[in-house]
């Protein structure tokens, strides 16, 4: 990796969090160790999506007892994962922006590979893929895997996306691409009407990639190791229906030329 300036972060890592008190301390320790070994200046922005448990308190206590870490926690009203990531990207100051799930199912140790690959080929966006040659899913229940493949097939057919996996929560962007794309989302646009009552990821990743291709950005997927992490924040039946509904909305926006 080429040498970077220290006057501003080279990398911003945006992490959404909602009711994560059970697995939070392990994730925060991963963050602390990563900051210690990172060869470039960075910042980590955790967006607390209106958690109703002790998530916010635990994060802020960790920050207070581990100063000076380039770690910021911002609390927003609960409105789903997309809203949290959008806010984090808006706050990010880095030349590159990564968003990652807080369980780090794709380990942060994979990040240098993504950064080096992006720099070598100058892609605007590099996304992790749990499917295809050299990828590995570790510990995933078969039902969860089947549901994911069915949803990905729907995306590939209806949205004509040429990727094996759009939903993996580990995506790296040039900052200018990220800030442009997140401002042009429609189904998951900032300040959209309707507040999510539950944790909800939806087809946010699919809309993001559709928007990127429609706006002429280069996107590449890299095979990754992915470790299944159980969560109570996902309701398979409810979320599958809502995600399919949102894919149809994205399809309609493509037909209208909304993203270009």
Protein backbone atom coordinates (compact mmCIF):
# COMPACT_ATOMS: atom_id res chain seq x y z
CA UNK A 1 0.00 0.00 0.00
CA UNK A 2 1.27 3.46 -0.85
CA UNK A 3 2.04 5.92 1.94
CA UNK A 4 -0.88 8.10 2.97
CA UNK A 5 -1.07 11.52 4.60
CA UNK A 6 -1.94 11.75 8.28
CA UNK A 7 -3.72 15.13 8.16
CA UNK A 8 -7.06 13.38 7.66
CA UNK A 9 -8.25 9.79 7.88
CA UNK A 10 -7.30 7.58 4.97
CA UNK A 11 -10.10 5.19 5.93
CA UNK A 12 -13.47 5.59 7.61
CA UNK A 13 -15.22 2.47 8.89
CA UNK A 14 -18.97 2.86 9.36
CA UNK A 15 -20.69 0.30 11.58
CA UNK A 16 -24.45 0.24 12.24
CA UNK A 17 -25.60 -1.14 15.60
CA UNK A 18 -29.04 -2.01 16.93
CA UNK A 19 -29.56 -3.82 20.26
CA UNK A 20 -26.14 -5.47 20.14
CA UNK A 21 -25.34 -5.61 23.87
CA UNK A 22 -24.84 -9.40 23.85
CA UNK A 23 -21.97 -9.45 21.36
CA UNK A 24 -20.78 -5.87 21.61
CA UNK A 25 -17.77 -6.21 23.89
CA UNK A 26 -16.06 -8.75 21.64
CA UNK A 27 -16.64 -6.51 18.62
CA UNK A 28 -15.25 -3.45 20.40
CA UNK A 29 -12.11 -5.37 21.32
CA UNK A 30 -11.68 -6.36 17.66
CA UNK A 31 -11.95 -2.67 16.77
CA UNK A 32 -9.38 -1.68 19.41
CA UNK A 33 -6.86 -4.24 18.17
CA UNK A 34 -7.41 -3.25 14.54
CA UNK A 35 -6.79 0.42 15.33
CA UNK A 36 -3.51 -0.49 17.06
CA UNK A 37 -2.15 -2.34 14.00
CA UNK A 38 -3.59 -0.27 11.13
CA UNK A 39 -0.80 1.19 8.92
CA UNK A 40 -2.83 4.28 8.04
CA UNK A 41 -4.83 6.96 9.87
CA UNK A 42 -8.44 5.94 10.26
CA UNK A 43 -11.66 6.69 12.06
CA UNK A 44 -14.42 4.33 13.14
CA UNK A 45 -17.98 5.59 13.33
CA UNK A 46 -20.58 3.46 15.08
CA UNK A 47 -24.15 4.54 14.43
CA UNK A 48 -26.49 3.42 17.20
CA UNK A 49 -29.82 2.97 15.42
CA UNK A 50 -31.97 3.87 18.41
CA UNK A 51 -31.10 0.80 20.47
CA UNK A 52 -33.43 0.04 23.39
CA UNK A 53 -30.87 -2.00 25.34
CA UNK A 54 -27.48 -1.00 26.79
CA UNK A 55 -25.71 -0.78 23.41
CA UNK A 56 -25.19 2.98 23.50
CA UNK A 57 -24.05 3.04 27.12
CA UNK A 58 -21.55 0.24 26.59
CA UNK A 59 -20.05 1.85 23.49
CA UNK A 60 -19.61 5.21 25.18
CA UNK A 61 -18.12 3.61 28.29
CA UNK A 62 -15.65 1.78 26.07
CA UNK A 63 -14.69 5.04 24.35
CA UNK A 64 -14.16 6.79 27.71
CA UNK A 65 -11.95 4.03 29.09
CA UNK A 66 -9.88 3.60 25.92
CA UNK A 67 -8.93 7.17 25.03
CA UNK A 68 -7.60 8.33 22.70
CA UNK A 69 -9.18 6.02 20.12
CA UNK A 70 -10.45 7.44 16.80
CA UNK A 71 -13.85 5.97 17.64
CA UNK A 72 -17.10 7.90 17.55
CA UNK A 73 -20.61 6.77 18.48
CA UNK A 74 -23.61 8.66 17.10
CA UNK A 75 -27.12 7.82 18.25
CA UNK A 76 -30.03 8.34 15.85
CA UNK A 77 -33.77 7.54 15.99
CA UNK A 78 -34.43 3.93 14.99
CA UNK A 79 -35.16 3.59 11.27
CA UNK A 80 -33.25 0.54 10.06
CA UNK A 81 -29.75 -0.38 8.92
CA UNK A 82 -29.84 1.75 5.77
CA UNK A 83 -30.58 4.94 7.71
CA UNK A 84 -27.71 4.19 10.10
CA UNK A 85 -25.18 3.61 7.32
CA UNK A 86 -26.33 6.69 5.42
CA UNK A 87 -25.72 8.82 8.50
CA UNK A 88 -22.31 7.27 9.02
CA UNK A 89 -21.25 7.90 5.43
CA UNK A 90 -22.38 11.51 5.76
CA UNK A 91 -20.13 11.93 8.81
CA UNK A 92 -17.14 10.06 7.32
CA UNK A 93 -14.01 12.07 6.46
CA UNK A 94 -11.82 9.33 5.00
CA UNK A 95 -10.65 8.98 1.41
CA UNK A 96 -12.03 5.44 1.52
CA UNK A 97 -15.17 4.35 3.32
CA UNK A 98 -15.96 0.83 4.45
CA UNK A 99 -19.22 -0.23 5.95
CA UNK A 100 -19.23 -3.43 7.96
CA UNK A 101 -21.65 -5.32 10.17
CA UNK A 102 -20.74 -5.10 13.83
CA UNK A 103 -20.31 -8.87 14.16
CA UNK A 104 -17.43 -8.72 11.62
CA UNK A 105 -18.65 -11.85 9.86
CA UNK A 106 -16.10 -10.86 7.24
CA UNK A 107 -13.07 -10.29 9.50
CA UNK A 108 -11.43 -6.88 9.54
CA UNK A 109 -8.17 -8.70 8.81
CA UNK A 110 -9.46 -9.09 5.24
CA UNK A 111 -9.59 -5.32 4.74
CA UNK A 112 -5.97 -4.83 3.53
CA UNK A 113 -6.69 -7.24 0.66
CA UNK A 114 -9.70 -5.16 -0.37
CA UNK A 115 -7.79 -1.89 -0.12
CA UNK A 116 -4.82 -3.19 -2.11
CA UNK A 117 -7.10 -4.62 -4.78
CA UNK A 118 -9.07 -1.38 -5.06
CA UNK A 119 -5.87 0.65 -5.39
CA UNK A 120 -4.31 -1.71 -7.92
CA UNK A 121 -7.28 -1.64 -10.31
CA UNK A 122 -8.81 1.70 -9.22
CA UNK A 123 -12.33 0.32 -8.70
CA UNK A 124 -14.85 2.70 -7.21
CA UNK A 125 -16.42 -0.05 -5.09
CA UNK A 126 -15.21 -3.46 -3.92
CA UNK A 127 -17.75 -5.76 -2.24
CA UNK A 128 -17.27 -8.98 -0.32
CA UNK A 129 -18.85 -12.12 -1.77
CA UNK A 130 -19.82 -15.26 0.13
CA UNK A 131 -20.41 -17.15 -3.11
CA UNK A 132 -18.19 -18.34 -5.94
CA UNK A 133 -14.68 -19.71 -6.19
CA UNK A 134 -12.43 -19.18 -3.13
CA UNK A 135 -15.28 -17.95 -0.91
CA UNK A 136 -16.21 -19.74 2.31
CA UNK A 137 -19.32 -19.72 4.47
CA UNK A 138 -18.54 -21.02 7.93
CA UNK A 139 -21.21 -22.23 10.36
CA UNK A 140 -24.24 -21.06 8.39
CA UNK A 141 -27.50 -23.01 8.87
CA UNK A 142 -28.75 -24.59 5.65
CA UNK A 143 -32.12 -22.80 5.77
CA UNK A 144 -30.42 -19.42 6.05
CA UNK A 145 -28.21 -20.30 3.09
CA UNK A 146 -31.13 -21.43 0.92
CA UNK A 147 -33.10 -18.28 1.71
CA UNK A 148 -30.12 -16.15 0.75
CA UNK A 149 -29.65 -17.93 -2.57
CA UNK A 150 -33.35 -17.59 -3.43
CA UNK A 151 -33.21 -13.88 -2.72
CA UNK A 152 -30.04 -13.47 -4.76
CA UNK A 153 -31.70 -15.28 -7.68
CA UNK A 154 -34.59 -12.83 -7.49
CA UNK A 155 -32.15 -9.93 -7.60
CA UNK A 156 -30.19 -11.36 -10.52
CA UNK A 157 -33.34 -11.97 -12.57
CA UNK A 158 -35.33 -8.86 -11.76
CA UNK A 159 -32.51 -6.33 -11.43
CA UNK A 160 -30.04 -7.96 -13.86
CA UNK A 161 -27.15 -7.68 -11.42
CA UNK A 162 -24.09 -9.72 -12.48
CA UNK A 163 -22.91 -10.53 -8.96
CA UNK A 164 -22.93 -13.73 -6.93
CA UNK A 165 -23.68 -11.96 -3.66
CA UNK A 166 -25.00 -8.44 -3.16
CA UNK A 167 -26.05 -8.75 0.49
CA UNK A 168 -22.77 -9.33 2.31
CA UNK A 169 -22.28 -6.50 4.81
CA UNK A 170 -18.70 -5.61 3.93
CA UNK A 171 -18.29 -3.01 1.17
CA UNK A 172 -15.45 -0.60 0.40
CA UNK A 173 -15.93 2.68 -1.51
CA UNK A 174 -14.05 5.65 -2.76
CA UNK A 175 -15.43 8.42 -0.58
CA UNK A 176 -16.75 10.49 -3.48
CA UNK A 177 -18.62 7.48 -4.87
CA UNK A 178 -20.15 6.61 -1.50
CA UNK A 179 -21.36 10.13 -0.77
CA UNK A 180 -22.90 10.44 -4.24
CA UNK A 181 -24.61 7.06 -4.15
CA UNK A 182 -26.09 7.36 -0.69
CA UNK A 183 -27.61 10.69 -1.68
CA UNK A 184 -29.34 9.10 -4.69
CA UNK A 185 -31.02 6.10 -3.09
CA UNK A 186 -34.78 6.08 -3.50
CA UNK A 187 -36.30 3.11 -1.67
CA UNK A 188 -33.85 3.64 1.20
CA UNK A 189 -33.29 7.35 0.71
CA UNK A 190 -32.40 9.59 3.65
CA UNK A 191 -35.39 10.88 5.60
CA UNK A 192 -37.77 8.51 3.83
CA UNK A 193 -41.24 8.23 5.26
CA UNK A 194 -42.02 5.43 7.67
CA UNK A 195 -40.10 4.36 10.73
CA UNK A 196 -38.95 0.75 11.08
CA UNK A 197 -40.32 -0.82 14.25
CA UNK A 198 -37.86 -3.71 14.04
CA UNK A 199 -34.27 -4.28 12.96
CA UNK A 200 -34.37 -4.29 9.16
CA UNK A 201 -31.68 -4.58 6.50
CA UNK A 202 -33.87 -5.13 3.47
CA UNK A 203 -32.70 -4.84 -0.12
CA UNK A 204 -30.59 -1.82 0.74
CA UNK A 205 -27.38 -3.39 -0.60
CA UNK A 206 -29.08 -4.30 -3.86
CA UNK A 207 -30.35 -0.76 -4.38
CA UNK A 208 -26.91 0.61 -3.62
CA UNK A 209 -25.28 -1.57 -6.29
CA UNK A 210 -28.02 -0.89 -8.82
CA UNK A 211 -27.58 2.82 -8.23
CA UNK A 212 -23.80 2.49 -8.62
CA UNK A 213 -24.05 0.75 -11.98
CA UNK A 214 -26.72 3.14 -13.22
CA UNK A 215 -24.48 6.07 -12.31
CA UNK A 216 -21.43 4.61 -14.03
CA UNK A 217 -19.33 3.47 -11.07
CA UNK A 218 -17.11 0.40 -11.32
CA UNK A 219 -17.99 -2.43 -8.94
CA UNK A 220 -15.97 -5.57 -8.24
CA UNK A 221 -16.72 -8.45 -5.89
CA UNK A 222 -14.02 -10.37 -4.06
CA UNK A 223 -14.49 -13.84 -2.55
CA UNK A 224 -14.31 -13.80 1.23
CA UNK A 225 -14.42 -15.93 4.31
CA UNK A 226 -17.68 -15.29 6.12
CA UNK A 227 -18.52 -16.54 9.61
CA UNK A 228 -22.16 -16.98 10.53
CA UNK A 229 -23.14 -15.05 13.65
CA UNK A 230 -26.58 -15.82 15.17
CA UNK A 231 -28.82 -12.85 15.81
CA UNK A 232 -32.34 -12.31 17.10
CA UNK A 233 -32.69 -9.14 15.06
CA UNK A 234 -33.82 -10.98 11.91
CA UNK A 235 -37.32 -12.34 11.30
CA UNK A 236 -37.11 -14.60 8.25
CA UNK A 237 -40.77 -14.46 7.17
CA UNK A 238 -41.37 -10.77 7.81
CA UNK A 239 -38.07 -9.63 6.33
CA UNK A 240 -38.31 -11.88 3.23
CA UNK A 241 -41.66 -10.36 2.32
CA UNK A 242 -40.46 -6.79 2.85
CA UNK A 243 -37.21 -7.38 0.96
CA UNK A 244 -39.05 -8.84 -2.04
CA UNK A 245 -41.40 -5.87 -2.02
CA UNK A 246 -38.45 -3.48 -1.98
CA UNK A 247 -36.75 -5.30 -4.89
CA UNK A 248 -39.87 -4.65 -6.99
CA UNK A 249 -39.70 -0.97 -6.02
CA UNK A 250 -36.05 -0.83 -7.08
CA UNK A 251 -36.94 -2.51 -10.39
CA UNK A 252 -39.62 0.12 -10.99
CA UNK A 253 -37.16 2.93 -10.28
CA UNK A 254 -34.73 1.44 -12.81
CA UNK A 255 -37.49 1.33 -15.41
CA UNK A 256 -38.20 5.02 -14.76
CA UNK A 257 -34.51 5.97 -14.98
CA UNK A 258 -34.55 7.33 -11.45
CA UNK A 259 -30.96 6.46 -10.56
CA UNK A 260 -29.12 7.77 -13.61
